[in-house]
PDB file of N, CA and C in Angstrom:
ATOM      1  N   MET A   1       3.822 -22.585  73.899  1.00  0.00           N
ATOM      2  CA  MET A   1       4.502 -22.066  74.466  1.00  0.00           C
ATOM      3  C   MET A   1       3.993 -20.438  74.650  1.00  0.00           C
ATOM      4  N   VAL A   2       4.719 -20.217  75.140  1.00  0.00           N
ATOM      5  CA  VAL A   2       4.113 -18.309  75.966  1.00  0.00           C
ATOM      6  C   VAL A   2       5.129 -17.582  75.152  1.00  0.00           C
ATOM      7  N   GLN A   3       4.784 -17.035  74.426  1.00  0.00           N
ATOM      8  CA  GLN A   3       5.627 -15.813  73.520  1.00  0.00           C
ATOM      9  C   GLN A   3       5.369 -14.344  73.985  1.00  0.00           C
ATOM     10  N   ALA A   4       6.506 -13.972  74.593  1.00  0.00           N
ATOM     11  CA  ALA A   4       6.848 -12.629  75.545  1.00  0.00           C
ATOM     12  C   ALA A   4       6.211 -11.516  74.106  1.00  0.00           C
ATOM     13  N   ILE A   5       5.812 -10.314  74.672  1.00  0.00           N
ATOM     14  CA  ILE A   5       5.304  -9.167  73.844  1.00  0.00           C
ATOM     15  C   ILE A   5       6.180  -8.409  73.723  1.00  0.00           C
ATOM     16  N   PRO A   6       6.978  -7.928  72.506  1.00  0.00           N
ATOM     17  CA  PRO A   6       8.281  -7.017  72.654  1.00  0.00           C
ATOM     18  C   PRO A   6       7.916  -6.026  72.879  1.00  0.00           C
ATOM     19  N   GLN A   7       8.667  -4.993  73.854  1.00  0.00           N
ATOM     20  CA  GLN A   7       8.348  -3.534  74.237  1.00  0.00           C
ATOM     21  C   GLN A   7       8.970  -2.742  73.493  1.00  0.00           C
ATOM     22  N   PHE A   8       8.462  -1.817  73.063  1.00  0.00           N
ATOM     23  CA  PHE A   8       8.977  -1.095  72.043  1.00  0.00           C
ATOM     24  C   PHE A   8       9.402   0.314  73.243  1.00  0.00           C
ATOM     25  N   ILE A   9      10.115   1.174  72.749  1.00  0.00           N
ATOM     26  CA  ILE A   9      10.512   2.501  73.414  1.00  0.00           C
ATOM     27  C   ILE A   9      10.865   3.475  72.783  1.00  0.00           C
ATOM     28  N   THR A  10      10.438   5.093  73.130  1.00  0.00           N
ATOM     29  CA  THR A  10      10.752   5.908  72.188  1.00  0.00           C
ATOM     30  C   THR A  10      11.783   6.267  71.990  1.00  0.00           C
ATOM     31  N   PHE A  11      12.277   7.341  71.494  1.00  0.00           N
ATOM     32  CA  PHE A  11      13.792   7.827  71.836  1.00  0.00           C
ATOM     33  C   PHE A  11      13.850   8.463  73.027  1.00  0.00           C
ATOM     34  N   ASP A  12      13.014   9.195  73.250  1.00  0.00           N
ATOM     35  CA  ASP A  12      13.164  10.458  74.710  1.00  0.00           C
ATOM     36  C   ASP A  12      13.373   9.044  75.825  1.00  0.00           C
ATOM     37  N   GLU A  13      12.635   8.195  75.370  1.00  0.00           N
ATOM     38  CA  GLU A  13      12.816   7.214  76.800  1.00  0.00           C
ATOM     39  C   GLU A  13      14.254   6.739  76.461  1.00  0.00           C
ATOM     40  N   PHE A  14      14.608   6.361  75.619  1.00  0.00           N
ATOM     41  CA  PHE A  14      16.011   5.700  75.410  1.00  0.00           C
ATOM     42  C   PHE A  14      17.250   6.774  75.770  1.00  0.00           C
ATOM     43  N   ILE A  15      16.675   8.446  75.587  1.00  0.00           N
ATOM     44  CA  ILE A  15      17.777   9.042  76.310  1.00  0.00           C
ATOM     45  C   ILE A  15      18.229   9.390  77.566  1.00  0.00           C
ATOM     46  N   ALA A  16      16.708   9.486  77.838  1.00  0.00           N
ATOM     47  CA  ALA A  16      16.450   9.310  79.922  1.00  0.00           C
ATOM     48  C   ALA A  16      16.717   8.089  80.502  1.00  0.00           C
ATOM     49  N   TRP A  17      17.069   6.601  79.987  1.00  0.00           N
ATOM     50  CA  TRP A  17      17.584   5.927  80.341  1.00  0.00           C
ATOM     51  C   TRP A  17      18.978   5.914  79.966  1.00  0.00           C
ATOM     52  N   TYR A  18      19.368   5.996  78.971  1.00  0.00           N
ATOM     53  CA  TYR A  18      20.872   5.941  78.465  1.00  0.00           C
ATOM     54  C   TYR A  18      21.955   5.497  79.777  1.00  0.00           C
ATOM     55  N   PRO A  19      22.714   4.910  79.724  1.00  0.00           N
ATOM     56  CA  PRO A  19      23.739   4.530  80.918  1.00  0.00           C
ATOM     57  C   PRO A  19      24.739   5.741  80.101  1.00  0.00           C
ATOM     58  N   GLU A  20      25.867   6.059  81.578  1.00  0.00           N
ATOM     59  CA  GLU A  20      26.946   7.010  80.649  1.00  0.00           C
ATOM     60  C   GLU A  20      27.958   5.679  79.996  1.00  0.00           C
ATOM     61  N   ASP A  21      27.915   4.663  81.231  1.00  0.00           N
ATOM     62  CA  ASP A  21      29.308   4.020  80.781  1.00  0.00           C
ATOM     63  C   ASP A  21      28.797   2.231  79.674  1.00  0.00           C
ATOM     64  N   GLY A  22      27.989   2.494  78.981  1.00  0.00           N
ATOM     65  CA  GLY A  22      26.984   1.658  77.997  1.00  0.00           C
ATOM     66  C   GLY A  22      27.302   1.818  76.775  1.00  0.00           C
ATOM     67  N   ARG A  23      27.607   0.826  75.592  1.00  0.00           N
ATOM     68  CA  ARG A  23      27.234   1.477  74.234  1.00  0.00           C
ATOM     69  C   ARG A  23      26.177   0.599  73.992  1.00  0.00           C
ATOM     70  N   TYR A  24      24.907   1.699  73.729  1.00  0.00           N
ATOM     71  CA  TYR A  24      23.775   1.275  73.321  1.00  0.00           C
ATOM     72  C   TYR A  24      23.339   2.143  71.704  1.00  0.00           C
ATOM     73  N   GLU A  25      22.183   1.058  70.924  1.00  0.00           N
ATOM     74  CA  GLU A  25      21.970   1.709  70.232  1.00  0.00           C
ATOM     75  C   GLU A  25      20.703   1.717  70.270  1.00  0.00           C
ATOM     76  N   LEU A  26      19.621   2.729  69.777  1.00  0.00           N
ATOM     77  CA  LEU A  26      17.991   2.562  69.778  1.00  0.00           C
ATOM     78  C   LEU A  26      17.810   1.658  68.356  1.00  0.00           C
ATOM     79  N   ILE A  27      17.611   0.844  67.919  1.00  0.00           N
ATOM     80  CA  ILE A  27      17.030  -0.221  66.578  1.00  0.00           C
ATOM     81  C   ILE A  27      15.366  -0.272  66.416  1.00  0.00           C
ATOM     82  N   ASN A  28      14.634   0.318  65.948  1.00  0.00           N
ATOM     83  CA  ASN A  28      13.405  -0.097  65.225  1.00  0.00           C
ATOM     84  C   ASN A  28      12.855  -0.192  66.578  1.00  0.00           C
ATOM     85  N   GLY A  29      12.763   0.374  67.419  1.00  0.00           N
ATOM     86  CA  GLY A  29      12.481   0.813  69.173  1.00  0.00           C
ATOM     87  C   GLY A  29      12.835  -0.207  69.974  1.00  0.00           C
ATOM     88  N   LYS A  30      13.992  -1.139  69.751  1.00  0.00           N
ATOM     89  CA  LYS A  30      14.350  -1.968  70.435  1.00  0.00           C
ATOM     90  C   LYS A  30      15.816  -1.600  71.150  1.00  0.00           C
ATOM     91  N   VAL A  31      16.768  -1.799  72.404  1.00  0.00           N
ATOM     92  CA  VAL A  31      17.491  -0.907  72.816  1.00  0.00           C
ATOM     93  C   VAL A  31      18.589  -2.306  72.595  1.00  0.00           C
ATOM     94  N   CYS A  32      19.405  -1.867  71.926  1.00  0.00           N
ATOM     95  CA  CYS A  32      20.685  -3.345  71.565  1.00  0.00           C
ATOM     96  C   CYS A  32      21.840  -3.024  71.777  1.00  0.00           C
ATOM     97  N   GLU A  33      22.643  -3.490  72.667  1.00  0.00           N
ATOM     98  CA  GLU A  33      24.290  -3.418  73.222  1.00  0.00           C
ATOM     99  C   GLU A  33      25.060  -3.700  72.066  1.00  0.00           C
ATOM    100  N   VAL A  34      25.689  -2.833  71.778  1.00  0.00           N
ATOM    101  CA  VAL A  34      26.699  -2.439  70.348  1.00  0.00           C
ATOM    102  C   VAL A  34      27.846  -2.864  71.512  1.00  0.00           C
ATOM    103  N   LYS A  35      28.669  -3.998  70.552  1.00  0.00           N
ATOM    104  CA  LYS A  35      30.243  -4.464  71.046  1.00  0.00           C
ATOM    105  C   LYS A  35      31.222  -3.924  69.833  1.00  0.00           C
ATOM    106  N   PRO A  36      32.322  -3.228  69.946  1.00  0.00           N
ATOM    107  CA  PRO A  36      33.340  -2.778  68.773  1.00  0.00           C
ATOM    108  C   PRO A  36      33.768  -4.616  68.426  1.00  0.00           C
ATOM    109  N   THR A  37      34.085  -4.773  67.061  1.00  0.00           N
ATOM    110  CA  THR A  37      34.496  -5.333  66.567  1.00  0.00           C
ATOM    111  C   THR A  37      35.632  -5.339  65.582  1.00  0.00           C
ATOM    112  N   GLY A  38      36.887  -6.467  65.729  1.00  0.00           N
ATOM    113  CA  GLY A  38      38.110  -5.634  64.398  1.00  0.00           C
ATOM    114  C   GLY A  38      38.816  -4.136  65.211  1.00  0.00           C
ATOM    115  N   SER A  39      39.205  -3.446  63.985  1.00  0.00           N
ATOM    116  CA  SER A  39      40.199  -2.734  64.432  1.00  0.00           C
ATOM    117  C   SER A  39      39.452  -1.861  65.293  1.00  0.00           C
ATOM    118  N   HIS A  40      37.839  -1.715  65.379  1.00  0.00           N
ATOM    119  CA  HIS A  40      36.938  -0.593  65.754  1.00  0.00           C
ATOM    120  C   HIS A  40      37.388  -1.014  67.746  1.00  0.00           C
ATOM    121  N   GLU A  41      37.473  -2.280  67.745  1.00  0.00           N
ATOM    122  CA  GLU A  41      38.049  -2.537  69.279  1.00  0.00           C
ATOM    123  C   GLU A  41      39.103  -1.824  69.392  1.00  0.00           C
ATOM    124  N   GLN A  42      40.215  -1.331  69.546  1.00  0.00           N
ATOM    125  CA  GLN A  42      41.436  -0.834  69.378  1.00  0.00           C
ATOM    126  C   GLN A  42      41.128   0.469  69.427  1.00  0.00           C
ATOM    127  N   VAL A  43      40.078   1.352  68.908  1.00  0.00           N
ATOM    128  CA  VAL A  43      39.622   2.923  69.183  1.00  0.00           C
ATOM    129  C   VAL A  43      38.751   2.582  70.390  1.00  0.00           C
ATOM    130  N   GLY A  44      37.725   1.940  70.861  1.00  0.00           N
ATOM    131  CA  GLY A  44      36.716   1.559  71.595  1.00  0.00           C
ATOM    132  C   GLY A  44      37.679   1.320  72.910  1.00  0.00           C
ATOM    133  N   ASP A  45      38.426   1.075  73.055  1.00  0.00           N
ATOM    134  CA  ASP A  45      39.182   1.104  74.482  1.00  0.00           C
ATOM    135  C   ASP A  45      40.222   2.377  74.906  1.00  0.00           C
ATOM    136  N   THR A  46      40.085   3.116  74.174  1.00  0.00           N
ATOM    137  CA  THR A  46      41.257   3.897  74.284  1.00  0.00           C
ATOM    138  C   THR A  46      40.128   5.277  75.276  1.00  0.00           C
TER     139      THR A  46
END
């Protein structure tokens, strides 16, 4: 089995990449898509 080497990015690279219409966080050098849940969904849709 071949395992991919994780690619970590810096905060500056994350800010330069960040799209205007997305919800993402940088967690330990990895970009993670954030989806609102529960009562936060109602706030996120406004």
